[in-house]
Amino acid sequence: MNHPFPQAPNNGWWRGGVIYQIYPRSFQDSNGDGIGDLPGITQRLDHIAALGADGIWISPFFKSPMKDFGYDVSDYCDVDPMFGTLDDFKALVARAHTLGLKVMIDQVLSHCADEHPWFVESRASRDNPKADWFVWADPKDDGNPPNNWLSIFGGSAWQWDTRRCQYYLHNFLTSQPDLNFHNGEVQDALLATVKFWLDLGVDGYRLDTANFYFHDAQLRNNPGRGAPDPNNPDPAVNPFNPYGWQRHVHDKSQPENLVFLQRLRALLDQYPDTTMVGEIGDDDGLARVAEYTASGPNGERRLHMAYCFDLLGEAHDAPFLHGFLSRFGEIVGDGWPCWALSNHDVVRSATRWGGPTPDPRLLRLAATFQASLRGTVCLYQGEELGLPEAQLAFEDLQDPYGITMWPQFKGRDGCRTPMPWSGDAAHAGFSSGPKTWLPVPPEHRALAVDRQQGLAESLLSHFTQLLHWRRAQPALRNGRMALLPVHPQVLAFERDDGTQRLLCAFNFSDAPAELTLPAGWAQAAPLAGGVATGARVTDAAVLFDAWGCVFLEKA
């Protein structure tokens, strides 16, 4: 394929790398207002570098009315004063690069805030220059919205506007109108904002709702599906949300989306060593990941990597993981995944997988398993500490999703509470102010960074040893992956890059287990490094304690 612009070199740092997600409101407050900020992030970058991460992803810090905490952008090219200034961001990038960390930022392209000047102009009349920059539609003859599309946050995806006497589309809050990607001027304007941050030195993007950019231009109704699967890990699909009762074939994941992603990729390819990871929320997430990471018919490039929600649910036994990874290999093939066990939208993995009092051995096993998969590792802040989901009172909630659906669904605040740095300090060292935007749970203090540093048995020490050890294992960073047959307790697979061949096995149960070694692995030696625990190797089998794991290396 002939590219319209010269392609910059890409060293592929992201392939097999480790990305640490920062939720800026909750990472570190530097000025005592109870809200985290960019200088606070800069202050704590040494922690991330010491942990062994290769880069950071910062959730939105752009100018915003904060009705959805930064995922409603009112200026794509400026920092919200709550988080600091552009100079603060430049200082953060400079410090991160000095520490060897790449910087990725969260780009919210599908929608913006209703306070954005683009929308203010668009809603003013039906004939202004930006009248078609958002998705406007006339009502039906009876005054109802033009179709049956639903908002992820509940209710219709259409909001009546008295200025134009039309409905506008919002897949999220009514204050988050969807941009009209069928308009080429909208695409150009958004690409210009992406370029703005690339020119400031960012190394890549996490693309929020990457399959939501385009809608069906004919505004056809979505078909119904009946009650949704209660085990679906997508936070938008829960038994208390009508959104999951539809098959979302017309309101997202349209074929035109791929063409825009190719334009976006062509822009990033002009900058050296950059990358994009897309968030995929779809009825068939694996198919979308395959489609969005594949090349186009003429070799056009799309996303470098993508993730869906399959590992962000409660299921985690060996047969489930084997089935999911098998389907992933069959459907996605060579597409590059980004694996996360937690993020800012779901219950923390310590609680989802471990319950109210998670076994520390399970948390070590989960970390080791995640670091062993073919793909890129994404760690959410506090995961290295084993933080459980915070249980908050209704009066402490900030998330509009949780406030609307309380008490059956409590929203996302429980995974967004402040990072505990010091167990004895006010607000656990997060802030010196009188009050924080969300409270610090008392149970998080015992897991604070200073309580775990230097303790050989702490989860923080395990993560640090694991990530540094992983860097020296080429098979884990870049090797192929082949699953062993399904086992009722043990998930096992081989990793092989041509220079190193490993067998990785994990007992995902709270009972002892035995795995017969496959042909050719008898008498293989355990791999040095000490990250595998609770397993003994005989000539023909591996004997596991509860939550034990092992790495064998073939000479």
Protein backbone atom coordinates (compact mmCIF):
# COMPACT_ATOMS: atom_id res chain seq x y z
CA MET A 1 0.00 0.00 0.00
CA ASN A 2 1.23 3.51 -0.81
CA HIS A 3 0.91 5.75 2.23
CA PRO A 4 0.09 9.45 1.66
CA PHE A 5 2.63 10.38 4.33
CA PRO A 6 6.01 8.85 5.17
CA GLN A 7 5.84 6.25 7.92
CA ALA A 8 7.98 6.81 10.98
CA PRO A 9 9.84 3.85 12.50
CA ASN A 10 8.11 1.90 15.26
CA ASN A 11 10.14 -0.17 17.72
CA GLY A 12 7.07 -2.08 18.90
CA TRP A 13 7.65 -1.30 22.58
CA TRP A 14 3.95 -1.90 23.18
CA ARG A 15 4.07 -5.50 21.92
CA GLY A 16 4.41 -7.47 25.11
CA GLY A 17 4.88 -4.29 27.13
CA VAL A 18 3.22 -3.31 30.40
CA ILE A 19 0.94 -0.24 30.51
CA TYR A 20 -0.11 1.23 33.87
CA GLN A 21 -3.50 2.95 33.87
CA ILE A 22 -3.81 6.14 35.92
CA TYR A 23 -7.18 7.56 36.90
CA PRO A 24 -5.98 11.13 37.49
CA ARG A 25 -8.70 12.23 39.93
CA SER A 26 -7.58 9.50 42.33
CA PHE A 27 -3.83 9.06 41.88
CA GLN A 28 -2.19 11.95 43.75
CA ASP A 29 -3.41 15.38 44.80
CA SER A 30 -0.61 17.96 44.76
CA ASN A 31 -2.49 21.10 45.84
CA GLY A 32 -4.78 19.96 48.65
CA ASP A 33 -8.12 20.35 46.87
CA GLY A 34 -8.94 16.67 47.35
CA ILE A 35 -8.70 15.83 43.64
CA GLY A 36 -5.72 14.25 41.91
CA ASP A 37 -3.89 16.23 39.24
CA LEU A 38 -1.09 16.17 36.68
CA PRO A 39 1.68 17.43 39.02
CA GLY A 40 0.60 14.69 41.42
CA ILE A 41 1.07 12.09 38.69
CA THR A 42 4.52 13.48 37.91
CA GLN A 43 5.38 13.24 41.60
CA ARG A 44 4.54 9.51 41.64
CA LEU A 45 6.01 8.37 38.31
CA ASP A 46 9.00 6.85 40.09
CA HIS A 47 6.65 4.30 41.68
CA ILE A 48 5.46 3.17 38.25
CA ALA A 49 8.97 3.00 36.80
CA ALA A 50 10.21 1.00 39.79
CA LEU A 51 7.28 -1.39 39.40
CA GLY A 52 8.53 -2.35 35.95
CA ALA A 53 5.95 -0.76 33.64
CA ASP A 54 6.87 0.35 30.12
CA GLY A 55 4.31 3.11 29.85
CA ILE A 56 1.31 4.84 31.36
CA TRP A 57 -2.23 5.48 30.15
CA ILE A 58 -3.84 8.54 31.72
CA SER A 59 -7.63 8.69 31.78
CA PRO A 60 -9.07 12.02 30.50
CA PHE A 61 -7.75 15.26 31.93
CA PHE A 62 -9.12 17.57 29.22
CA LYS A 63 -11.31 20.58 29.93
CA SER A 64 -14.71 19.27 30.95
CA PRO A 65 -17.84 20.04 32.99
CA MET A 66 -17.06 16.69 34.70
CA LYS A 67 -20.58 15.30 34.54
CA ASP A 68 -18.94 12.01 33.53
CA PHE A 69 -15.59 12.87 35.12
CA GLY A 70 -13.66 13.88 32.02
CA TYR A 71 -15.33 11.56 29.52
CA ASP A 72 -17.37 14.61 28.51
CA VAL A 73 -14.84 16.88 26.82
CA SER A 74 -15.48 20.58 26.28
CA ASP A 75 -12.02 21.38 24.85
CA TYR A 76 -9.93 18.61 23.29
CA CYS A 77 -6.77 20.74 23.26
CA ASP A 78 -6.52 22.01 26.83
CA VAL A 79 -6.12 20.70 30.37
CA ASP A 80 -8.96 21.20 32.81
CA PRO A 81 -7.80 23.64 35.53
CA MET A 82 -8.74 20.99 38.09
CA PHE A 83 -5.83 18.90 36.78
CA GLY A 84 -3.35 21.67 36.02
CA THR A 85 -2.08 23.31 32.85
CA LEU A 86 -0.55 22.41 29.52
CA ASP A 87 2.85 23.22 31.02
CA ASP A 88 2.12 20.68 33.77
CA PHE A 89 1.38 18.10 31.10
CA LYS A 90 4.60 18.89 29.25
CA ALA A 91 6.52 18.47 32.50
CA LEU A 92 4.81 15.13 33.09
CA VAL A 93 5.77 13.87 29.63
CA ALA A 94 9.36 15.03 30.08
CA ARG A 95 9.70 13.31 33.46
CA ALA A 96 8.09 10.10 32.18
CA HIS A 97 10.45 9.97 29.22
CA THR A 98 13.42 10.55 31.51
CA LEU A 99 12.30 7.49 33.50
CA GLY A 100 11.91 5.44 30.31
CA LEU A 101 8.10 5.48 30.43
CA LYS A 102 5.91 6.02 27.38
CA VAL A 103 2.84 8.25 27.78
CA MET A 104 -0.56 7.29 26.37
CA ILE A 105 -3.66 9.43 26.83
CA ASP A 106 -7.36 8.65 26.70
CA GLN A 107 -9.07 10.05 23.62
CA VAL A 108 -12.87 10.33 23.74
CA LEU A 109 -13.86 10.84 20.12
CA SER A 110 -17.37 9.41 19.82
CA HIS A 111 -19.01 12.14 21.88
CA CYS A 112 -18.21 15.39 23.68
CA ALA A 113 -19.79 17.60 26.33
CA ASP A 114 -22.90 19.62 25.59
CA GLU A 115 -20.81 22.63 26.67
CA HIS A 116 -18.35 22.10 23.82
CA PRO A 117 -18.47 25.10 21.44
CA TRP A 118 -19.16 22.72 18.55
CA PHE A 119 -22.40 21.55 20.12
CA VAL A 120 -23.38 25.00 21.36
CA GLU A 121 -23.22 26.18 17.75
CA SER A 122 -24.83 23.04 16.32
CA ARG A 123 -27.91 23.24 18.54
CA ALA A 124 -28.43 26.95 17.88
CA SER A 125 -30.16 26.43 14.53
CA ARG A 126 -30.66 23.98 11.69
CA ASP A 127 -28.60 25.97 9.18
CA ASN A 128 -25.41 27.05 10.97
CA PRO A 129 -21.96 25.82 9.83
CA LYS A 130 -21.95 23.03 12.44
CA ALA A 131 -25.61 22.11 12.18
CA ASP A 132 -24.68 18.63 10.91
CA TRP A 133 -21.76 18.00 13.28
CA PHE A 134 -23.98 16.01 15.65
CA VAL A 135 -26.69 13.40 15.12
CA TRP A 136 -30.00 15.24 14.85
CA ALA A 137 -33.33 13.70 13.91
CA ASP A 138 -36.97 14.72 13.69
CA PRO A 139 -39.51 13.06 15.95
CA LYS A 140 -41.98 10.47 14.76
CA ASP A 141 -45.48 11.65 13.96
CA ASP A 142 -46.49 10.98 17.56
CA GLY A 143 -43.58 13.00 18.96
CA ASN A 144 -41.56 9.99 20.08
CA PRO A 145 -37.83 9.61 19.31
CA PRO A 146 -36.90 8.47 15.80
CA ASN A 147 -36.04 4.90 16.85
CA ASN A 148 -35.62 2.56 19.81
CA TRP A 149 -31.91 3.09 20.56
CA LEU A 150 -31.04 3.15 24.26
CA SER A 151 -28.45 4.99 26.32
CA ILE A 152 -25.91 2.95 28.28
CA PHE A 153 -26.80 5.06 31.31
CA GLY A 154 -30.49 4.17 31.05
CA GLY A 155 -33.47 5.33 29.01
CA SER A 156 -33.68 6.53 25.44
CA ALA A 157 -30.51 7.47 23.55
CA TRP A 158 -32.38 10.50 22.19
CA GLN A 159 -32.83 13.84 23.95
CA TRP A 160 -35.30 16.52 22.81
CA ASP A 161 -33.80 19.94 22.18
CA THR A 162 -36.12 22.96 22.16
CA ARG A 163 -33.76 25.16 20.12
CA ARG A 164 -33.98 23.03 17.00
CA CYS A 165 -37.15 21.12 17.94
CA GLN A 166 -35.31 17.92 17.12
CA TYR A 167 -33.79 15.01 19.00
CA TYR A 168 -30.05 14.53 19.32
CA LEU A 169 -28.28 11.20 19.89
CA HIS A 170 -26.40 10.44 23.11
CA ASN A 171 -25.13 6.92 23.77
CA PHE A 172 -24.20 7.98 27.29
CA LEU A 173 -25.46 10.91 29.40
CA THR A 174 -27.82 13.47 27.86
CA SER A 175 -24.94 15.92 28.38
CA GLN A 176 -22.73 13.82 26.06
CA PRO A 177 -24.04 14.33 22.51
CA ASP A 178 -22.66 12.00 19.85
CA LEU A 179 -20.60 13.53 17.07
CA ASN A 180 -21.69 12.82 13.49
CA PHE A 181 -18.79 10.93 11.91
CA HIS A 182 -20.68 10.76 8.60
CA ASN A 183 -19.59 14.40 8.26
CA GLY A 184 -16.01 14.58 6.96
CA GLU A 185 -15.43 17.93 8.64
CA VAL A 186 -16.03 16.28 12.02
CA GLN A 187 -13.43 13.63 11.29
CA ASP A 188 -10.91 16.26 10.19
CA ALA A 189 -11.49 18.36 13.31
CA LEU A 190 -11.05 15.36 15.61
CA LEU A 191 -7.91 14.21 13.83
CA ALA A 192 -6.49 17.69 14.33
CA THR A 193 -6.99 17.33 18.09
CA VAL A 194 -5.21 13.97 18.01
CA LYS A 195 -2.30 15.57 16.18
CA PHE A 196 -2.15 18.36 18.80
CA TRP A 197 -1.14 15.92 21.54
CA LEU A 198 1.16 13.90 19.29
CA ASP A 199 3.05 17.13 18.62
CA LEU A 200 3.36 17.58 22.41
CA GLY A 201 5.11 14.23 22.64
CA VAL A 202 2.49 11.64 23.58
CA ASP A 203 3.38 8.10 22.57
CA GLY A 204 -0.09 6.77 21.93
CA TYR A 205 -3.78 6.65 22.68
CA ARG A 206 -6.33 4.56 24.49
CA LEU A 207 -9.46 5.05 22.41
CA ASP A 208 -12.62 5.22 24.47
CA THR A 209 -15.59 3.35 22.93
CA ALA A 210 -13.64 2.79 19.72
CA ASN A 211 -16.54 1.05 17.98
CA PHE A 212 -19.11 3.79 18.73
CA TYR A 213 -17.95 6.42 16.25
CA PHE A 214 -20.46 5.73 13.48
CA HIS A 215 -24.20 5.09 13.64
CA ASP A 216 -26.51 3.65 11.02
CA ALA A 217 -27.33 6.60 8.76
CA GLN A 218 -30.84 5.18 8.18
CA LEU A 219 -31.53 5.17 11.95
CA ARG A 220 -32.98 1.65 11.82
CA ASN A 221 -34.31 0.11 15.04
CA ASN A 222 -32.16 -2.35 16.94
CA PRO A 223 -33.73 -5.81 17.24
CA GLY A 224 -34.64 -7.08 20.68
CA ARG A 225 -32.90 -9.98 22.36
CA GLY A 226 -34.88 -10.59 25.55
CA ALA A 227 -33.27 -10.57 28.97
CA PRO A 228 -29.46 -10.21 28.75
CA ASP A 229 -26.95 -12.75 29.96
CA PRO A 230 -26.45 -11.97 33.67
CA ASN A 231 -22.81 -13.12 33.39
CA ASN A 232 -21.88 -10.71 30.61
CA PRO A 233 -18.86 -8.75 31.98
CA ASP A 234 -19.56 -5.61 29.96
CA PRO A 235 -20.53 -2.94 32.55
CA ALA A 236 -23.18 -1.68 30.12
CA VAL A 237 -24.91 -5.07 30.15
CA ASN A 238 -26.22 -5.81 33.60
CA PRO A 239 -29.58 -7.26 34.65
CA PHE A 240 -30.79 -3.85 35.85
CA ASN A 241 -30.03 -1.95 32.64
CA PRO A 242 -32.45 -2.14 29.67
CA TYR A 243 -29.52 -1.47 27.31
CA GLY A 244 -28.66 -5.16 27.36
CA TRP A 245 -32.11 -6.14 26.05
CA GLN A 246 -31.20 -5.05 22.51
CA ARG A 247 -28.87 -6.41 19.87
CA HIS A 248 -26.78 -3.37 19.04
CA VAL A 249 -26.46 -3.83 15.30
CA HIS A 250 -27.32 -0.29 14.17
CA ASP A 251 -26.20 2.14 16.89
CA LYS A 252 -22.50 1.14 16.84
CA SER A 253 -19.87 -1.07 15.13
CA GLN A 254 -20.75 0.17 11.66
CA PRO A 255 -18.50 -0.69 8.67
CA GLU A 256 -17.60 2.98 8.14
CA ASN A 257 -15.83 2.87 11.52
CA LEU A 258 -13.01 0.88 9.97
CA VAL A 259 -12.26 3.56 7.39
CA PHE A 260 -11.94 6.21 10.08
CA LEU A 261 -9.64 3.98 12.14
CA GLN A 262 -7.45 3.66 9.07
CA ARG A 263 -7.26 7.45 8.82
CA LEU A 264 -6.40 7.64 12.51
CA ARG A 265 -3.70 4.99 12.16
CA ALA A 266 -2.18 6.77 9.16
CA LEU A 267 -1.81 9.87 11.34
CA LEU A 268 -0.14 8.00 14.19
CA ASP A 269 2.18 6.24 11.77
CA GLN A 270 3.78 9.60 11.02
CA TYR A 271 5.13 9.69 14.59
CA PRO A 272 7.81 7.24 15.77
CA ASP A 273 7.07 4.44 18.22
CA THR A 274 3.41 5.33 18.76
CA THR A 275 0.50 2.98 19.42
CA MET A 276 -3.27 2.81 19.89
CA VAL A 277 -5.39 0.46 21.99
CA GLY A 278 -9.13 0.45 21.42
CA GLU A 279 -11.85 -0.28 23.95
CA ILE A 280 -14.39 -2.58 22.32
CA GLY A 281 -17.87 -2.83 23.83
CA ASP A 282 -19.93 -4.98 21.48
CA ASP A 283 -22.35 -7.90 21.40
CA ASP A 284 -19.52 -9.90 19.79
CA GLY A 285 -16.40 -8.35 21.27
CA LEU A 286 -13.96 -10.95 19.92
CA ALA A 287 -15.17 -10.48 16.35
CA ARG A 288 -14.73 -6.72 16.67
CA VAL A 289 -11.23 -7.09 18.16
CA ALA A 290 -10.31 -9.30 15.19
CA GLU A 291 -11.77 -6.83 12.70
CA TYR A 292 -10.27 -3.74 14.32
CA THR A 293 -6.74 -5.13 14.64
CA ALA A 294 -6.66 -6.71 11.17
CA SER A 295 -5.38 -5.02 8.03
CA GLY A 296 -7.76 -3.64 5.45
CA PRO A 297 -8.26 -5.14 1.98
CA ASN A 298 -5.40 -3.10 0.55
CA GLY A 299 -3.12 -3.40 3.56
CA GLU A 300 -4.54 -0.41 5.43
CA ARG A 301 -3.63 -0.48 9.11
CA ARG A 302 -6.13 -0.06 11.93
CA LEU A 303 -5.61 -0.44 15.67
CA HIS A 304 -2.31 -1.73 17.01
CA MET A 305 -4.20 -3.57 19.76
CA ALA A 306 -7.63 -3.80 21.36
CA TYR A 307 -9.44 -5.22 24.35
CA CYS A 308 -12.94 -6.39 25.20
CA PHE A 309 -14.50 -7.26 28.55
CA ASP A 310 -14.18 -11.06 28.78
CA LEU A 311 -11.56 -11.01 31.56
CA LEU A 312 -13.36 -8.22 33.41
CA GLY A 313 -16.17 -10.42 34.74
CA GLU A 314 -16.41 -12.79 37.69
CA ALA A 315 -15.69 -16.06 35.85
CA HIS A 316 -12.09 -17.20 36.26
CA ASP A 317 -11.93 -20.98 36.66
CA ALA A 318 -9.67 -23.02 34.40
CA PRO A 319 -12.38 -24.33 32.00
CA PHE A 320 -13.77 -20.81 31.46
CA LEU A 321 -10.34 -19.31 30.80
CA HIS A 322 -9.42 -22.19 28.49
CA GLY A 323 -12.64 -21.74 26.53
CA PHE A 324 -12.22 -18.00 26.22
CA LEU A 325 -8.56 -18.17 25.18
CA SER A 326 -9.40 -20.92 22.69
CA ARG A 327 -12.13 -18.78 21.13
CA PHE A 328 -9.81 -15.79 21.13
CA GLY A 329 -7.18 -17.72 19.19
CA GLU A 330 -9.73 -19.01 16.69
CA ILE A 331 -11.45 -15.67 16.09
CA VAL A 332 -8.75 -13.03 16.59
CA GLY A 333 -5.80 -15.05 15.32
CA ASP A 334 -2.71 -12.87 15.01
CA GLY A 335 -4.51 -9.72 16.22
CA TRP A 336 -2.71 -8.22 19.19
CA PRO A 337 -4.67 -8.11 22.47
CA CYS A 338 -4.26 -5.86 25.48
CA TRP A 339 -5.15 -7.78 28.64
CA ALA A 340 -6.67 -6.05 31.67
CA LEU A 341 -8.15 -7.67 34.76
CA SER A 342 -9.35 -4.33 36.21
CA ASN A 343 -10.02 -0.80 35.06
CA HIS A 344 -11.96 2.32 36.06
CA ASP A 345 -15.30 0.87 34.89
CA VAL A 346 -15.54 -2.50 36.66
CA VAL A 347 -15.37 -3.97 40.16
CA ARG A 348 -11.73 -4.48 41.16
CA SER A 349 -10.36 -7.92 40.34
CA ALA A 350 -9.41 -8.67 43.96
CA THR A 351 -13.12 -8.59 44.85
CA ARG A 352 -14.53 -9.96 41.59
CA TRP A 353 -12.29 -13.02 41.67
CA GLY A 354 -11.52 -13.29 45.35
CA GLY A 355 -14.71 -12.22 47.13
CA PRO A 356 -14.84 -10.19 50.37
CA THR A 357 -11.55 -11.62 51.71
CA PRO A 358 -9.42 -12.60 48.70
CA ASP A 359 -6.70 -15.20 49.22
CA PRO A 360 -3.30 -13.52 48.65
CA ARG A 361 -2.22 -16.62 46.71
CA LEU A 362 -5.05 -16.06 44.21
CA LEU A 363 -4.00 -12.43 43.70
CA ARG A 364 -0.40 -13.50 43.02
CA LEU A 365 -1.65 -16.19 40.64
CA ALA A 366 -3.87 -13.73 38.75
CA ALA A 367 -0.98 -11.31 38.28
CA THR A 368 1.33 -14.06 37.08
CA PHE A 369 -1.29 -15.45 34.71
CA GLN A 370 -1.94 -12.02 33.19
CA ALA A 371 1.78 -11.42 32.69
CA SER A 372 2.11 -14.78 30.90
CA LEU A 373 -0.48 -14.27 28.16
CA ARG A 374 0.38 -13.40 24.58
CA GLY A 375 -0.31 -9.69 24.36
CA THR A 376 0.19 -6.43 26.21
CA VAL A 377 -0.46 -6.16 29.95
CA CYS A 378 -2.56 -3.30 31.30
CA LEU A 379 -2.52 -2.74 35.08
CA TYR A 380 -5.02 -0.45 36.77
CA GLN A 381 -3.68 1.72 39.59
CA GLY A 382 -3.87 -0.08 42.94
CA GLU A 383 -3.97 -3.52 41.37
CA GLU A 384 -0.37 -4.00 42.43
CA LEU A 385 -1.55 -3.48 46.02
CA GLY A 386 -4.46 -5.92 45.84
CA LEU A 387 -7.02 -3.22 46.63
CA PRO A 388 -10.53 -4.62 47.06
CA GLU A 389 -13.63 -2.84 45.74
CA ALA A 390 -14.61 -0.03 48.09
CA GLN A 391 -18.06 -0.20 49.65
CA LEU A 392 -19.40 3.35 49.68
CA ALA A 393 -22.48 4.92 51.21
CA PHE A 394 -25.04 6.32 48.80
CA GLU A 395 -24.28 9.86 49.97
CA ASP A 396 -20.63 9.41 48.95
CA LEU A 397 -21.39 8.34 45.37
CA GLN A 398 -20.28 10.58 42.50
CA ASP A 399 -20.85 8.33 39.46
CA PRO A 400 -24.12 9.24 37.67
CA TYR A 401 -24.43 5.63 36.46
CA GLY A 402 -24.44 4.31 40.04
CA ILE A 403 -26.66 7.07 41.42
CA THR A 404 -29.28 6.32 38.75
CA MET A 405 -29.26 2.54 39.26
CA TRP A 406 -28.72 2.34 43.01
CA PRO A 407 -29.06 0.08 44.97
CA GLN A 408 -29.00 -2.95 42.66
CA PHE A 409 -26.09 -1.52 40.67
CA LYS A 410 -23.72 0.72 42.61
CA GLY A 411 -21.80 2.15 39.69
CA ARG A 412 -18.08 2.62 39.30
CA ASP A 413 -17.02 4.69 42.30
CA GLY A 414 -15.92 1.60 44.24
CA CYS A 415 -12.94 1.11 41.92
CA ARG A 416 -12.09 4.82 41.68
CA THR A 417 -11.27 5.70 45.30
CA PRO A 418 -7.94 7.45 46.03
CA MET A 419 -4.66 5.56 45.76
CA PRO A 420 -3.29 4.77 49.26
CA TRP A 421 0.37 5.77 49.46
CA SER A 422 0.92 5.97 53.22
CA GLY A 423 -1.04 3.90 55.71
CA ASP A 424 -0.74 6.38 58.59
CA ALA A 425 -1.04 9.70 56.72
CA ALA A 426 -4.18 11.76 56.32
CA HIS A 427 -6.19 10.38 53.40
CA ALA A 428 -3.52 7.66 53.10
CA GLY A 429 -1.07 10.17 51.60
CA PHE A 430 -3.27 10.95 48.60
CA SER A 431 -4.14 14.50 49.68
CA SER A 432 -3.29 17.05 52.35
CA GLY A 433 -6.69 18.70 52.05
CA PRO A 434 -9.61 18.47 54.47
CA LYS A 435 -11.69 16.20 52.21
CA THR A 436 -11.18 14.04 49.14
CA TRP A 437 -13.58 13.71 46.21
CA LEU A 438 -14.18 10.07 47.18
CA PRO A 439 -13.31 8.75 50.64
CA VAL A 440 -10.32 6.51 51.28
CA PRO A 441 -11.69 3.16 52.53
CA PRO A 442 -10.22 2.26 55.95
CA GLU A 443 -9.33 -1.24 54.72
CA HIS A 444 -7.10 0.23 52.01
CA ARG A 445 -4.72 1.77 54.55
CA ALA A 446 -3.24 -1.60 55.50
CA LEU A 447 -2.47 -2.17 51.80
CA ALA A 448 -0.80 1.21 51.22
CA VAL A 449 2.40 1.42 49.21
CA ASP A 450 4.58 2.17 52.25
CA ARG A 451 3.12 -0.82 54.10
CA GLN A 452 4.08 -3.22 51.30
CA GLN A 453 7.40 -1.82 50.09
CA GLY A 454 10.35 -3.99 51.05
CA LEU A 455 8.22 -6.88 52.33
CA ALA A 456 9.19 -9.97 50.39
CA GLU A 457 5.75 -11.58 50.77
CA SER A 458 3.72 -8.51 49.79
CA LEU A 459 1.74 -8.35 46.56
CA LEU A 460 3.61 -5.18 45.59
CA SER A 461 6.92 -7.04 45.87
CA HIS A 462 5.48 -9.89 43.80
CA PHE A 463 4.35 -7.52 41.04
CA THR A 464 7.72 -5.77 41.00
CA GLN A 465 9.66 -9.03 40.81
CA LEU A 466 7.24 -10.43 38.22
CA LEU A 467 7.38 -7.50 35.81
CA HIS A 468 11.16 -7.18 35.94
CA TRP A 469 11.56 -10.96 35.54
CA ARG A 470 9.14 -10.96 32.61
CA ARG A 471 11.30 -8.49 30.69
CA ALA A 472 14.01 -11.14 30.51
CA GLN A 473 11.68 -13.83 29.07
CA PRO A 474 11.43 -13.37 25.29
CA ALA A 475 8.85 -16.15 24.99
CA LEU A 476 6.47 -14.27 27.30
CA ARG A 477 6.88 -10.92 25.61
CA ASN A 478 6.75 -12.02 21.98
CA GLY A 479 6.21 -15.75 21.72
CA ARG A 480 3.43 -17.76 20.17
CA MET A 481 0.88 -19.33 22.50
CA ALA A 482 -0.59 -22.84 22.35
CA LEU A 483 -3.12 -24.13 24.87
CA LEU A 484 -2.82 -27.55 26.44
CA PRO A 485 -6.02 -29.62 26.69
CA VAL A 486 -8.71 -28.39 29.05
CA HIS A 487 -8.31 -29.43 32.71
CA PRO A 488 -10.90 -29.02 35.49
CA GLN A 489 -8.49 -27.05 37.71
CA VAL A 490 -5.36 -26.16 35.78
CA LEU A 491 -4.96 -23.78 32.85
CA ALA A 492 -1.78 -24.58 30.93
CA PHE A 493 -0.23 -23.33 27.72
CA GLU A 494 3.09 -23.17 25.91
CA ARG A 495 4.86 -19.96 24.88
CA ASP A 496 7.59 -20.16 22.23
CA ASP A 497 9.44 -17.42 20.35
CA GLY A 498 12.06 -19.62 18.68
CA THR A 499 14.75 -18.82 21.25
CA GLN A 500 12.87 -19.85 24.40
CA ARG A 501 10.12 -22.40 24.97
CA LEU A 502 8.05 -22.34 28.16
CA LEU A 503 5.22 -24.31 29.67
CA CYS A 504 3.07 -22.09 31.90
CA ALA A 505 0.56 -23.76 34.25
CA PHE A 506 -1.84 -22.24 36.79
CA ASN A 507 -4.06 -23.97 39.33
CA PHE A 508 -7.17 -21.78 39.33
CA SER A 509 -8.72 -23.54 42.32
CA ASP A 510 -8.50 -23.54 46.10
CA ALA A 511 -7.68 -27.28 46.19
CA PRO A 512 -4.54 -29.24 45.29
CA ALA A 513 -4.29 -30.33 41.67
CA GLU A 514 -2.16 -32.53 39.44
CA LEU A 515 -1.22 -31.95 35.81
CA THR A 516 0.33 -34.74 33.79
CA LEU A 517 3.18 -33.32 31.75
CA PRO A 518 2.62 -33.50 27.99
CA ALA A 519 4.96 -35.44 25.74
CA GLY A 520 8.40 -33.93 25.58
CA TRP A 521 8.14 -32.03 28.86
CA ALA A 522 9.15 -34.83 31.23
CA GLN A 523 12.04 -33.80 33.47
CA ALA A 524 11.88 -30.21 32.25
CA ALA A 525 13.42 -27.77 34.70
CA PRO A 526 11.44 -25.04 36.47
CA LEU A 527 12.35 -21.60 35.18
CA ALA A 528 14.41 -19.57 37.60
CA GLY A 529 13.07 -16.35 39.06
CA GLY A 530 10.88 -17.24 42.00
CA VAL A 531 7.62 -15.83 40.59
CA ALA A 532 6.02 -19.29 40.49
CA THR A 533 4.97 -20.74 43.84
CA GLY A 534 2.99 -23.64 45.26
CA ALA A 535 4.03 -26.29 42.76
CA ARG A 536 6.37 -29.32 42.75
CA VAL A 537 7.61 -30.98 39.58
CA THR A 538 8.11 -34.74 39.31
CA ASP A 539 9.37 -36.69 36.30
CA ALA A 540 5.90 -36.92 34.78
CA ALA A 541 3.61 -34.41 36.51
CA VAL A 542 3.24 -31.11 38.31
CA LEU A 543 1.67 -31.21 41.78
CA PHE A 544 0.01 -27.94 42.72
CA ASP A 545 -1.03 -26.47 46.02
CA ALA A 546 -4.15 -24.28 45.99
CA TRP A 547 -3.62 -21.33 43.64
CA GLY A 548 -0.15 -22.62 42.69
CA CYS A 549 1.63 -22.05 39.37
CA VAL A 550 4.79 -23.14 37.59
CA PHE A 551 6.96 -22.25 34.58
CA LEU A 552 8.96 -24.98 32.91
CA GLU A 553 11.67 -24.27 30.36
CA LYS A 554 12.70 -26.64 27.63
CA ALA A 555 16.40 -26.80 26.93
